[in-house]
């Protein structure tokens, strides 16, 4: 049996997925303590923030916005609903579709955590040059837009 040598593979430290994961972990290390202190997971927070900002969404729409798989989103919705943070109703047009909106209690939680979250963002911004932070947002947006567009062709 012929054993093939590994050639032409980039160094692990230069792997784009790993760099993006490390960047995510670096950023989340600023937010995790805030969320943990409020008894909210990262995924639950994403769902609450999306509903707070975007208004009513279907369960599928919320999962897509939050980049969370449908089975996980189902558990998140179930928990947030049981805690009174989200209101879920079946669609009148399609009984299979679940319509979600943030409750008054959910809004209060988001608004209570907002100043701490913004302080964490300020810490991140303070660690970078202002034009680098703007460029990072712009480049990540461009990366997502261009690479995602190619994968849907």
C-alpha atoms as a PDB file:
ATOM      1  CA  UNK A   1       0.000   0.000   0.000  1.00  0.00           C
ATOM      2  CA  UNK A   2       1.328   3.385  -0.978  1.00  0.00           C
ATOM      3  CA  UNK A   3       1.357   5.974   1.798  1.00  0.00           C
ATOM      4  CA  UNK A   4       0.860   9.500   0.549  1.00  0.00           C
ATOM      5  CA  UNK A   5       2.854  12.264   2.177  1.00  0.00           C
ATOM      6  CA  UNK A   6       1.103  15.433   3.267  1.00  0.00           C
ATOM      7  CA  UNK A   7       2.223  18.234   1.000  1.00  0.00           C
ATOM      8  CA  UNK A   8       1.019  21.686   0.245  1.00  0.00           C
ATOM      9  CA  UNK A   9      -1.148  22.043   3.301  1.00  0.00           C
ATOM     10  CA  UNK A  10      -0.935  25.304   5.152  1.00  0.00           C
ATOM     11  CA  UNK A  11       0.343  25.491   8.685  1.00  0.00           C
ATOM     12  CA  UNK A  12      -2.272  24.888  11.367  1.00  0.00           C
ATOM     13  CA  UNK A  13      -1.664  28.353  12.804  1.00  0.00           C
ATOM     14  CA  UNK A  14      -2.595  29.793   9.389  1.00  0.00           C
ATOM     15  CA  UNK A  15      -5.828  27.852   9.066  1.00  0.00           C
ATOM     16  CA  UNK A  16      -8.619  30.366   8.434  1.00  0.00           C
ATOM     17  CA  UNK A  17     -11.244  28.430  10.445  1.00  0.00           C
ATOM     18  CA  UNK A  18      -8.853  28.198  13.411  1.00  0.00           C
ATOM     19  CA  UNK A  19      -7.981  31.891  13.257  1.00  0.00           C
ATOM     20  CA  UNK A  20     -11.668  32.784  13.138  1.00  0.00           C
ATOM     21  CA  UNK A  21     -12.391  30.460  16.093  1.00  0.00           C
ATOM     22  CA  UNK A  22      -9.544  31.993  18.090  1.00  0.00           C
ATOM     23  CA  UNK A  23     -10.776  35.482  17.282  1.00  0.00           C
ATOM     24  CA  UNK A  24     -14.293  34.472  18.364  1.00  0.00           C
ATOM     25  CA  UNK A  25     -12.999  33.051  21.636  1.00  0.00           C
ATOM     26  CA  UNK A  26     -10.925  36.172  22.267  1.00  0.00           C
ATOM     27  CA  UNK A  27     -13.980  38.374  21.744  1.00  0.00           C
ATOM     28  CA  UNK A  28     -16.342  36.121  23.693  1.00  0.00           C
ATOM     29  CA  UNK A  29     -14.005  36.095  26.693  1.00  0.00           C
ATOM     30  CA  UNK A  30     -15.130  39.713  27.211  1.00  0.00           C
ATOM     31  CA  UNK A  31     -18.845  38.910  26.978  1.00  0.00           C
ATOM     32  CA  UNK A  32     -19.092  35.486  28.645  1.00  0.00           C
ATOM     33  CA  UNK A  33     -18.756  36.739  32.236  1.00  0.00           C
ATOM     34  CA  UNK A  34     -21.579  39.231  31.666  1.00  0.00           C
ATOM     35  CA  UNK A  35     -23.865  36.587  30.181  1.00  0.00           C
ATOM     36  CA  UNK A  36     -22.959  33.991  32.816  1.00  0.00           C
ATOM     37  CA  UNK A  37     -23.705  36.546  35.543  1.00  0.00           C
ATOM     38  CA  UNK A  38     -27.170  37.022  34.069  1.00  0.00           C
ATOM     39  CA  UNK A  39     -27.746  33.271  33.725  1.00  0.00           C
ATOM     40  CA  UNK A  40     -27.906  33.446  29.929  1.00  0.00           C
ATOM     41  CA  UNK A  41     -25.962  31.293  27.477  1.00  0.00           C
ATOM     42  CA  UNK A  42     -24.299  32.772  24.415  1.00  0.00           C
ATOM     43  CA  UNK A  43     -26.889  31.174  22.141  1.00  0.00           C
ATOM     44  CA  UNK A  44     -29.803  32.378  24.274  1.00  0.00           C
ATOM     45  CA  UNK A  45     -28.328  35.887  24.183  1.00  0.00           C
ATOM     46  CA  UNK A  46     -28.019  35.757  20.394  1.00  0.00           C
ATOM     47  CA  UNK A  47     -31.691  34.812  20.133  1.00  0.00           C
ATOM     48  CA  UNK A  48     -32.785  37.553  22.526  1.00  0.00           C
ATOM     49  CA  UNK A  49     -30.655  40.184  20.762  1.00  0.00           C
ATOM     50  CA  UNK A  50     -31.972  39.187  17.346  1.00  0.00           C
ATOM     51  CA  UNK A  51     -35.598  39.353  18.485  1.00  0.00           C
ATOM     52  CA  UNK A  52     -34.964  42.623  20.337  1.00  0.00           C
ATOM     53  CA  UNK A  53     -33.498  44.234  17.242  1.00  0.00           C
ATOM     54  CA  UNK A  54     -35.394  42.568  14.405  1.00  0.00           C
ATOM     55  CA  UNK A  55     -38.837  42.104  15.953  1.00  0.00           C
ATOM     56  CA  UNK A  56     -41.002  39.087  15.235  1.00  0.00           C
ATOM     57  CA  UNK A  57     -39.323  36.179  13.445  1.00  0.00           C
ATOM     58  CA  UNK A  58     -40.217  32.608  12.654  1.00  0.00           C
ATOM     59  CA  UNK A  59     -38.261  29.924  14.477  1.00  0.00           C
ATOM     60  CA  UNK A  60     -36.479  29.100  11.204  1.00  0.00           C
ATOM     61  CA  UNK A  61     -35.717  32.770  10.596  1.00  0.00           C
ATOM     62  CA  UNK A  62     -34.329  33.159  14.111  1.00  0.00           C
ATOM     63  CA  UNK A  63     -32.152  30.068  13.699  1.00  0.00           C
ATOM     64  CA  UNK A  64     -30.778  31.455  10.431  1.00  0.00           C
ATOM     65  CA  UNK A  65     -30.132  34.922  11.889  1.00  0.00           C
ATOM     66  CA  UNK A  66     -28.355  33.456  14.919  1.00  0.00           C
ATOM     67  CA  UNK A  67     -26.450  30.792  12.967  1.00  0.00           C
ATOM     68  CA  UNK A  68     -27.835  28.068  15.221  1.00  0.00           C
ATOM     69  CA  UNK A  69     -29.017  24.665  14.011  1.00  0.00           C
ATOM     70  CA  UNK A  70     -32.792  24.107  14.158  1.00  0.00           C
ATOM     71  CA  UNK A  71     -32.738  21.361  16.853  1.00  0.00           C
ATOM     72  CA  UNK A  72     -30.637  23.570  19.141  1.00  0.00           C
ATOM     73  CA  UNK A  73     -32.854  26.565  18.425  1.00  0.00           C
ATOM     74  CA  UNK A  74     -35.901  24.501  19.391  1.00  0.00           C
ATOM     75  CA  UNK A  75     -34.367  23.865  22.836  1.00  0.00           C
ATOM     76  CA  UNK A  76     -33.376  27.532  23.189  1.00  0.00           C
ATOM     77  CA  UNK A  77     -36.885  28.712  22.296  1.00  0.00           C
ATOM     78  CA  UNK A  78     -38.423  26.216  24.711  1.00  0.00           C
ATOM     79  CA  UNK A  79     -36.202  27.500  27.541  1.00  0.00           C
ATOM     80  CA  UNK A  80     -36.641  31.208  26.740  1.00  0.00           C
ATOM     81  CA  UNK A  81     -40.408  30.718  26.541  1.00  0.00           C
ATOM     82  CA  UNK A  82     -40.515  28.872  29.866  1.00  0.00           C
ATOM     83  CA  UNK A  83     -38.587  31.757  31.464  1.00  0.00           C
ATOM     84  CA  UNK A  84     -41.023  34.296  30.017  1.00  0.00           C
ATOM     85  CA  UNK A  85     -38.327  35.973  27.902  1.00  0.00           C
ATOM     86  CA  UNK A  86     -39.857  35.088  24.535  1.00  0.00           C
ATOM     87  CA  UNK A  87     -43.450  34.753  23.363  1.00  0.00           C
ATOM     88  CA  UNK A  88     -44.118  31.978  20.855  1.00  0.00           C
ATOM     89  CA  UNK A  89     -47.314  31.628  18.832  1.00  0.00           C
ATOM     90  CA  UNK A  90     -48.304  29.454  15.899  1.00  0.00           C
ATOM     91  CA  UNK A  91     -48.708  31.341  12.641  1.00  0.00           C
ATOM     92  CA  UNK A  92     -52.318  31.864  11.544  1.00  0.00           C
ATOM     93  CA  UNK A  93     -51.263  31.299   7.925  1.00  0.00           C
ATOM     94  CA  UNK A  94     -49.205  28.158   8.533  1.00  0.00           C
ATOM     95  CA  UNK A  95     -49.769  26.186  11.725  1.00  0.00           C
ATOM     96  CA  UNK A  96     -46.357  24.541  11.289  1.00  0.00           C
ATOM     97  CA  UNK A  97     -44.581  27.904  11.575  1.00  0.00           C
ATOM     98  CA  UNK A  98     -43.762  29.280  15.002  1.00  0.00           C
ATOM     99  CA  UNK A  99     -43.737  33.087  15.323  1.00  0.00           C
ATOM    100  CA  UNK A 100     -41.495  34.498  18.022  1.00  0.00           C
ATOM    101  CA  UNK A 101     -41.136  37.867  19.664  1.00  0.00           C
ATOM    102  CA  UNK A 102     -39.291  39.101  22.697  1.00  0.00           C
ATOM    103  CA  UNK A 103     -41.410  39.658  25.798  1.00  0.00           C
ATOM    104  CA  UNK A 104     -41.321  42.707  28.064  1.00  0.00           C
ATOM    105  CA  UNK A 105     -39.232  40.656  30.517  1.00  0.00           C
ATOM    106  CA  UNK A 106     -36.815  39.755  27.692  1.00  0.00           C
ATOM    107  CA  UNK A 107     -36.549  43.409  26.659  1.00  0.00           C
ATOM    108  CA  UNK A 108     -35.752  44.401  30.244  1.00  0.00           C
ATOM    109  CA  UNK A 109     -32.983  41.800  30.371  1.00  0.00           C
ATOM    110  CA  UNK A 110     -31.434  43.009  27.103  1.00  0.00           C
ATOM    111  CA  UNK A 111     -31.677  46.633  28.231  1.00  0.00           C
ATOM    112  CA  UNK A 112     -30.187  45.785  31.648  1.00  0.00           C
ATOM    113  CA  UNK A 113     -27.195  44.014  30.088  1.00  0.00           C
ATOM    114  CA  UNK A 114     -26.692  46.526  27.248  1.00  0.00           C
ATOM    115  CA  UNK A 115     -24.411  48.922  29.181  1.00  0.00           C
ATOM    116  CA  UNK A 116     -22.128  46.073  30.299  1.00  0.00           C
ATOM    117  CA  UNK A 117     -22.064  44.621  26.794  1.00  0.00           C
ATOM    118  CA  UNK A 118     -21.168  48.028  25.372  1.00  0.00           C
ATOM    119  CA  UNK A 119     -18.357  48.398  27.944  1.00  0.00           C
ATOM    120  CA  UNK A 120     -16.980  45.058  26.734  1.00  0.00           C
ATOM    121  CA  UNK A 121     -17.126  46.345  23.150  1.00  0.00           C
ATOM    122  CA  UNK A 122     -15.273  49.470  24.275  1.00  0.00           C
ATOM    123  CA  UNK A 123     -12.529  47.309  25.835  1.00  0.00           C
ATOM    124  CA  UNK A 124     -12.137  45.467  22.544  1.00  0.00           C
ATOM    125  CA  UNK A 125     -12.072  48.744  20.575  1.00  0.00           C
ATOM    126  CA  UNK A 126      -9.532  50.202  23.007  1.00  0.00           C
ATOM    127  CA  UNK A 127      -7.230  47.267  22.284  1.00  0.00           C
ATOM    128  CA  UNK A 128      -7.146  48.089  18.581  1.00  0.00           C
ATOM    129  CA  UNK A 129      -6.440  51.041  16.385  1.00  0.00           C
ATOM    130  CA  UNK A 130      -9.772  52.713  15.468  1.00  0.00           C
ATOM    131  CA  UNK A 131      -9.223  52.336  11.732  1.00  0.00           C
ATOM    132  CA  UNK A 132      -8.256  48.664  12.201  1.00  0.00           C
ATOM    133  CA  UNK A 133     -11.511  47.923  14.006  1.00  0.00           C
ATOM    134  CA  UNK A 134     -13.533  49.532  11.227  1.00  0.00           C
ATOM    135  CA  UNK A 135     -11.487  47.636   8.640  1.00  0.00           C
ATOM    136  CA  UNK A 136     -12.047  44.356  10.513  1.00  0.00           C
ATOM    137  CA  UNK A 137     -15.839  44.830  10.443  1.00  0.00           C
ATOM    138  CA  UNK A 138     -15.696  45.780   6.782  1.00  0.00           C
ATOM    139  CA  UNK A 139     -13.471  42.864   5.761  1.00  0.00           C
ATOM    140  CA  UNK A 140     -15.467  40.293   7.706  1.00  0.00           C
ATOM    141  CA  UNK A 141     -18.665  41.587   6.125  1.00  0.00           C
ATOM    142  CA  UNK A 142     -17.080  41.456   2.688  1.00  0.00           C
ATOM    143  CA  UNK A 143     -15.736  37.943   3.323  1.00  0.00           C
ATOM    144  CA  UNK A 144     -19.170  36.660   4.384  1.00  0.00           C
ATOM    145  CA  UNK A 145     -20.927  38.361   1.490  1.00  0.00           C
ATOM    146  CA  UNK A 146     -18.543  37.163  -1.217  1.00  0.00           C
ATOM    147  CA  UNK A 147     -17.839  33.637  -0.028  1.00  0.00           C
ATOM    148  CA  UNK A 148     -21.470  32.991   0.954  1.00  0.00           C
ATOM    149  CA  UNK A 149     -22.625  34.287  -2.456  1.00  0.00           C
ATOM    150  CA  UNK A 150     -20.307  31.831  -4.196  1.00  0.00           C
ATOM    151  CA  UNK A 151     -21.586  28.885  -2.173  1.00  0.00           C
ATOM    152  CA  UNK A 152     -25.210  29.625  -3.099  1.00  0.00           C
ATOM    153  CA  UNK A 153     -24.617  29.732  -6.854  1.00  0.00           C
END
